[in-house]
């Protein structure tokens, strides 16, 4: 698969519950201020290490602020060989409104 799918928060939540990996591509300060519980921060510096250690068969959900930038990142990751890549529609902002109980703060999970 060299493409990704856009999914709403409800579908992303279900996939996350089933073990999907969630990566957040927002800036480090925004990630620290609040992110999807269990998500990993991903940037240009951590990307090579993330790809080297990744399970390419595990579903991958990419999130950003509002769901726009995550589409480019999802397309890139799909092109790298991930089998199931999703971009979270509405991004972290919509997730935070829909699932406030599944938001964590701090630098890492």
N, C-alpha and C. Protein backbone atom coordinates (compact mmCIF):
# COMPACT_ATOMS: atom_id res chain seq x y z
N UNK A 1 0.85 -1.19 0.00
CA UNK A 1 0.00 0.00 0.00
C UNK A 1 0.88 1.24 0.00
N UNK A 2 0.62 2.14 -0.91
CA UNK A 2 1.39 3.38 -0.94
C UNK A 2 0.47 4.57 -0.76
N UNK A 3 -0.66 4.32 -0.13
CA UNK A 3 -1.64 5.37 0.10
C UNK A 3 -2.09 5.30 1.55
N UNK A 4 -2.82 6.31 1.97
CA UNK A 4 -3.34 6.36 3.33
C UNK A 4 -4.83 6.65 3.26
N UNK A 5 -5.49 6.47 4.41
CA UNK A 5 -6.91 6.78 4.51
C UNK A 5 -7.10 7.87 5.55
N UNK A 6 -8.08 8.72 5.33
CA UNK A 6 -8.48 9.71 6.32
C UNK A 6 -9.58 9.10 7.17
N UNK A 7 -9.45 9.22 8.49
CA UNK A 7 -10.46 8.64 9.37
C UNK A 7 -10.87 9.64 10.44
N UNK A 8 -12.12 9.53 10.90
CA UNK A 8 -12.60 10.41 11.98
C UNK A 8 -12.09 9.91 13.33
N UNK A 9 -12.16 10.75 14.35
CA UNK A 9 -11.69 10.37 15.68
C UNK A 9 -12.30 9.07 16.21
N UNK A 10 -13.57 8.83 15.95
CA UNK A 10 -14.22 7.61 16.46
C UNK A 10 -13.54 6.36 15.91
N UNK A 11 -13.24 6.36 14.63
CA UNK A 11 -12.58 5.20 14.02
C UNK A 11 -11.14 5.10 14.52
N UNK A 12 -10.47 6.24 14.67
CA UNK A 12 -9.10 6.23 15.19
C UNK A 12 -9.07 5.69 16.62
N UNK A 13 -10.06 6.07 17.40
CA UNK A 13 -10.14 5.60 18.78
C UNK A 13 -10.25 4.08 18.81
N UNK A 14 -11.11 3.53 17.96
CA UNK A 14 -11.29 2.08 17.90
C UNK A 14 -10.00 1.38 17.45
N UNK A 15 -9.33 1.94 16.46
CA UNK A 15 -8.07 1.34 15.99
C UNK A 15 -7.00 1.41 17.08
N UNK A 16 -6.97 2.52 17.79
CA UNK A 16 -6.01 2.70 18.89
C UNK A 16 -6.25 1.65 19.96
N UNK A 17 -7.51 1.39 20.25
CA UNK A 17 -7.86 0.38 21.26
C UNK A 17 -7.41 -1.02 20.81
N UNK A 18 -7.30 -1.22 19.51
CA UNK A 18 -6.88 -2.50 18.95
C UNK A 18 -5.37 -2.58 18.74
N UNK A 19 -4.65 -1.55 19.18
CA UNK A 19 -3.19 -1.60 19.12
C UNK A 19 -2.52 -0.77 18.06
N UNK A 20 -3.27 0.08 17.35
CA UNK A 20 -2.64 0.95 16.35
C UNK A 20 -1.65 1.90 17.03
N UNK A 21 -0.58 2.22 16.34
CA UNK A 21 0.40 3.19 16.81
C UNK A 21 -0.08 4.58 16.41
N UNK A 22 0.00 5.53 17.34
CA UNK A 22 -0.39 6.91 17.04
C UNK A 22 0.85 7.77 17.11
N UNK A 23 1.11 8.52 16.03
CA UNK A 23 2.23 9.46 16.01
C UNK A 23 1.69 10.87 15.83
N UNK A 24 2.28 11.79 16.54
CA UNK A 24 1.87 13.19 16.56
C UNK A 24 3.00 14.01 15.95
N UNK A 25 2.71 14.76 14.88
CA UNK A 25 3.76 15.50 14.20
C UNK A 25 3.75 17.00 14.53
N UNK A 26 2.99 17.39 15.55
CA UNK A 26 2.99 18.80 15.95
C UNK A 26 4.32 19.16 16.59
N UNK A 27 4.52 20.43 16.86
CA UNK A 27 5.77 20.87 17.48
C UNK A 27 5.86 20.32 18.91
N UNK A 28 7.09 20.20 19.45
CA UNK A 28 7.29 19.60 20.78
C UNK A 28 6.50 20.28 21.90
N UNK A 29 6.37 21.59 21.86
CA UNK A 29 5.65 22.30 22.92
C UNK A 29 4.16 21.96 22.88
N UNK A 30 3.58 21.92 21.70
CA UNK A 30 2.17 21.56 21.58
C UNK A 30 1.95 20.13 22.05
N UNK A 31 2.84 19.23 21.67
CA UNK A 31 2.75 17.83 22.11
C UNK A 31 2.80 17.76 23.63
N UNK A 32 3.72 18.49 24.22
CA UNK A 32 3.87 18.49 25.68
C UNK A 32 2.64 19.05 26.38
N UNK A 33 2.00 20.03 25.77
CA UNK A 33 0.81 20.66 26.35
C UNK A 33 -0.42 19.76 26.30
N UNK A 34 -0.41 18.77 25.43
CA UNK A 34 -1.52 17.82 25.33
C UNK A 34 -1.43 17.00 24.07
N UNK A 35 -1.60 15.69 24.21
CA UNK A 35 -1.55 14.79 23.06
C UNK A 35 -2.42 13.57 23.34
N UNK A 36 -2.70 12.82 22.30
CA UNK A 36 -3.48 11.59 22.44
C UNK A 36 -2.68 10.65 23.34
N UNK A 37 -3.32 10.14 24.36
CA UNK A 37 -2.66 9.23 25.30
C UNK A 37 -2.03 8.07 24.54
N UNK A 38 -0.78 7.81 24.83
CA UNK A 38 -0.06 6.72 24.19
C UNK A 38 0.61 7.07 22.88
N UNK A 39 0.40 8.30 22.41
CA UNK A 39 1.01 8.67 21.13
C UNK A 39 2.49 9.00 21.30
N UNK A 40 3.20 8.93 20.19
CA UNK A 40 4.62 9.26 20.15
C UNK A 40 4.80 10.54 19.36
N UNK A 41 5.70 11.39 19.83
CA UNK A 41 6.01 12.59 19.06
C UNK A 41 6.96 12.20 17.94
N UNK A 42 6.69 12.68 16.75
CA UNK A 42 7.51 12.35 15.59
C UNK A 42 7.87 13.63 14.85
N UNK A 43 9.17 13.83 14.63
CA UNK A 43 9.64 14.97 13.86
C UNK A 43 10.76 14.52 12.93
N UNK A 44 11.35 15.45 12.21
CA UNK A 44 12.40 15.09 11.25
C UNK A 44 13.59 14.41 11.91
N UNK A 45 13.86 14.74 13.18
CA UNK A 45 15.00 14.15 13.88
C UNK A 45 14.71 12.72 14.34
N UNK A 46 13.50 12.46 14.78
CA UNK A 46 13.16 11.13 15.30
C UNK A 46 12.64 10.17 14.23
N UNK A 47 12.33 10.70 13.05
CA UNK A 47 11.74 9.90 11.98
C UNK A 47 12.60 8.70 11.56
N UNK A 48 13.89 8.87 11.27
CA UNK A 48 14.69 7.71 10.84
C UNK A 48 14.71 6.59 11.88
N UNK A 49 14.84 6.94 13.15
CA UNK A 49 14.86 5.94 14.21
C UNK A 49 13.50 5.26 14.33
N UNK A 50 12.43 6.04 14.21
CA UNK A 50 11.08 5.49 14.27
C UNK A 50 10.88 4.46 13.16
N UNK A 51 11.27 4.81 11.94
CA UNK A 51 11.11 3.91 10.80
C UNK A 51 11.96 2.66 10.99
N UNK A 52 13.18 2.82 11.49
CA UNK A 52 14.07 1.67 11.67
C UNK A 52 13.52 0.66 12.66
N UNK A 53 12.77 1.12 13.66
CA UNK A 53 12.26 0.24 14.72
C UNK A 53 10.80 -0.16 14.53
N UNK A 54 10.16 0.35 13.50
CA UNK A 54 8.71 0.18 13.34
C UNK A 54 8.32 -1.21 12.88
N UNK A 55 7.11 -1.60 13.28
CA UNK A 55 6.45 -2.79 12.77
C UNK A 55 5.57 -2.30 11.61
N UNK A 56 5.99 -2.58 10.39
CA UNK A 56 5.31 -2.04 9.22
C UNK A 56 3.92 -2.63 9.01
N UNK A 57 3.61 -3.71 9.72
CA UNK A 57 2.28 -4.34 9.60
C UNK A 57 1.29 -3.80 10.62
N UNK A 58 1.76 -3.05 11.60
CA UNK A 58 0.88 -2.50 12.63
C UNK A 58 0.23 -1.22 12.10
N UNK A 59 -1.08 -1.06 12.26
CA UNK A 59 -1.73 0.17 11.80
C UNK A 59 -1.09 1.40 12.43
N UNK A 60 -1.00 2.47 11.65
CA UNK A 60 -0.35 3.71 12.06
C UNK A 60 -1.29 4.88 11.83
N UNK A 61 -1.55 5.65 12.89
CA UNK A 61 -2.41 6.83 12.80
C UNK A 61 -1.54 8.06 12.99
N UNK A 62 -1.63 8.99 12.05
CA UNK A 62 -0.85 10.23 12.10
C UNK A 62 -1.79 11.37 12.45
N UNK A 63 -1.37 12.18 13.42
CA UNK A 63 -2.18 13.33 13.81
C UNK A 63 -1.33 14.60 13.84
N UNK A 64 -2.00 15.72 13.61
CA UNK A 64 -1.38 17.04 13.68
C UNK A 64 -2.36 17.96 14.40
N UNK A 65 -2.37 19.23 14.08
CA UNK A 65 -3.28 20.17 14.74
C UNK A 65 -4.74 19.97 14.31
N UNK A 66 -4.97 20.05 12.99
CA UNK A 66 -6.34 20.02 12.47
C UNK A 66 -6.59 18.97 11.39
N UNK A 67 -5.60 18.16 11.09
CA UNK A 67 -5.79 17.10 10.10
C UNK A 67 -5.29 17.42 8.71
N UNK A 68 -4.55 18.52 8.54
CA UNK A 68 -4.04 18.87 7.22
C UNK A 68 -2.61 18.37 7.01
N UNK A 69 -1.70 18.77 7.87
CA UNK A 69 -0.29 18.36 7.76
C UNK A 69 -0.14 16.85 7.89
N UNK A 70 -1.00 16.23 8.67
CA UNK A 70 -0.89 14.79 8.87
C UNK A 70 -1.12 14.02 7.58
N UNK A 71 -1.82 14.61 6.63
CA UNK A 71 -2.04 13.92 5.36
C UNK A 71 -0.74 13.76 4.58
N UNK A 72 0.09 14.80 4.56
CA UNK A 72 1.39 14.71 3.89
C UNK A 72 2.28 13.70 4.60
N UNK A 73 2.30 13.74 5.92
CA UNK A 73 3.12 12.80 6.69
C UNK A 73 2.62 11.37 6.50
N UNK A 74 1.31 11.18 6.47
CA UNK A 74 0.74 9.85 6.27
C UNK A 74 1.12 9.31 4.89
N UNK A 75 1.06 10.17 3.88
CA UNK A 75 1.43 9.75 2.52
C UNK A 75 2.90 9.35 2.49
N UNK A 76 3.75 10.12 3.15
CA UNK A 76 5.17 9.79 3.21
C UNK A 76 5.40 8.45 3.90
N UNK A 77 4.76 8.23 5.04
CA UNK A 77 4.94 6.99 5.78
C UNK A 77 4.39 5.79 5.00
N UNK A 78 3.28 5.98 4.32
CA UNK A 78 2.74 4.90 3.48
C UNK A 78 3.75 4.56 2.38
N UNK A 79 4.37 5.57 1.81
CA UNK A 79 5.37 5.36 0.77
C UNK A 79 6.61 4.63 1.31
N UNK A 80 6.87 4.77 2.61
CA UNK A 80 8.01 4.09 3.24
C UNK A 80 7.75 2.61 3.46
N UNK A 81 6.50 2.18 3.28
CA UNK A 81 6.20 0.75 3.36
C UNK A 81 5.26 0.33 4.47
N UNK A 82 4.71 1.27 5.22
CA UNK A 82 3.73 0.89 6.25
C UNK A 82 2.48 0.38 5.55
N UNK A 83 1.95 -0.73 6.04
CA UNK A 83 0.82 -1.39 5.38
C UNK A 83 -0.50 -0.64 5.55
N UNK A 84 -0.75 -0.10 6.74
CA UNK A 84 -2.00 0.61 7.04
C UNK A 84 -1.67 1.95 7.67
N UNK A 85 -1.89 3.02 6.93
CA UNK A 85 -1.61 4.36 7.43
C UNK A 85 -2.88 5.20 7.35
N UNK A 86 -3.14 5.92 8.43
CA UNK A 86 -4.33 6.76 8.53
C UNK A 86 -3.95 8.17 8.95
N UNK A 87 -4.68 9.13 8.43
CA UNK A 87 -4.55 10.52 8.86
C UNK A 87 -5.81 10.86 9.64
N UNK A 88 -5.63 11.41 10.84
CA UNK A 88 -6.76 11.73 11.70
C UNK A 88 -7.44 13.02 11.26
N UNK A 89 -8.65 12.90 10.73
CA UNK A 89 -9.44 14.08 10.34
C UNK A 89 -9.72 14.93 11.58
N UNK A 90 -9.53 16.22 11.45
CA UNK A 90 -9.77 17.12 12.57
C UNK A 90 -8.60 17.22 13.52
N UNK A 91 -7.63 16.35 13.34
CA UNK A 91 -6.41 16.39 14.14
C UNK A 91 -6.64 16.31 15.64
N UNK A 92 -5.62 16.73 16.37
CA UNK A 92 -5.68 16.68 17.83
C UNK A 92 -6.80 17.55 18.37
N UNK A 93 -7.09 18.67 17.71
CA UNK A 93 -8.13 19.57 18.21
C UNK A 93 -9.48 18.87 18.29
N UNK A 94 -9.84 18.15 17.24
CA UNK A 94 -11.12 17.44 17.25
C UNK A 94 -11.06 16.26 18.22
N UNK A 95 -9.94 15.54 18.25
CA UNK A 95 -9.79 14.43 19.19
C UNK A 95 -10.00 14.93 20.62
N UNK A 96 -9.40 16.06 20.96
CA UNK A 96 -9.49 16.61 22.32
C UNK A 96 -10.93 16.93 22.68
N UNK A 97 -11.71 17.41 21.72
CA UNK A 97 -13.13 17.70 21.97
C UNK A 97 -13.93 16.40 22.14
N UNK A 98 -13.62 15.40 21.33
CA UNK A 98 -14.39 14.15 21.36
C UNK A 98 -13.97 13.19 22.48
N UNK A 99 -12.69 13.16 22.81
CA UNK A 99 -12.16 12.20 23.80
C UNK A 99 -11.23 12.89 24.81
N UNK A 100 -11.75 13.86 25.56
CA UNK A 100 -10.88 14.58 26.51
C UNK A 100 -10.26 13.65 27.55
N UNK A 101 -10.89 12.52 27.82
CA UNK A 101 -10.36 11.58 28.81
C UNK A 101 -9.14 10.84 28.27
N UNK A 102 -8.90 10.89 26.95
CA UNK A 102 -7.77 10.22 26.33
C UNK A 102 -6.71 11.21 25.86
N UNK A 103 -6.46 12.22 26.68
CA UNK A 103 -5.44 13.22 26.41
C UNK A 103 -4.46 13.22 27.57
N UNK A 104 -3.18 13.20 27.25
CA UNK A 104 -2.12 13.24 28.27
C UNK A 104 -1.28 14.48 28.07
N UNK A 105 -0.57 14.86 29.11
CA UNK A 105 0.33 16.01 29.03
C UNK A 105 1.74 15.55 29.39
N UNK A 106 2.73 16.30 28.96
CA UNK A 106 4.12 15.96 29.22
C UNK A 106 4.83 15.60 27.92
N UNK A 107 6.13 15.38 28.03
CA UNK A 107 6.95 15.16 26.83
C UNK A 107 6.83 13.77 26.25
N UNK A 108 6.61 12.77 27.10
CA UNK A 108 6.57 11.39 26.60
C UNK A 108 5.44 10.63 27.24
N UNK A 109 5.13 9.51 26.66
CA UNK A 109 4.12 8.60 27.21
C UNK A 109 4.80 7.44 27.88
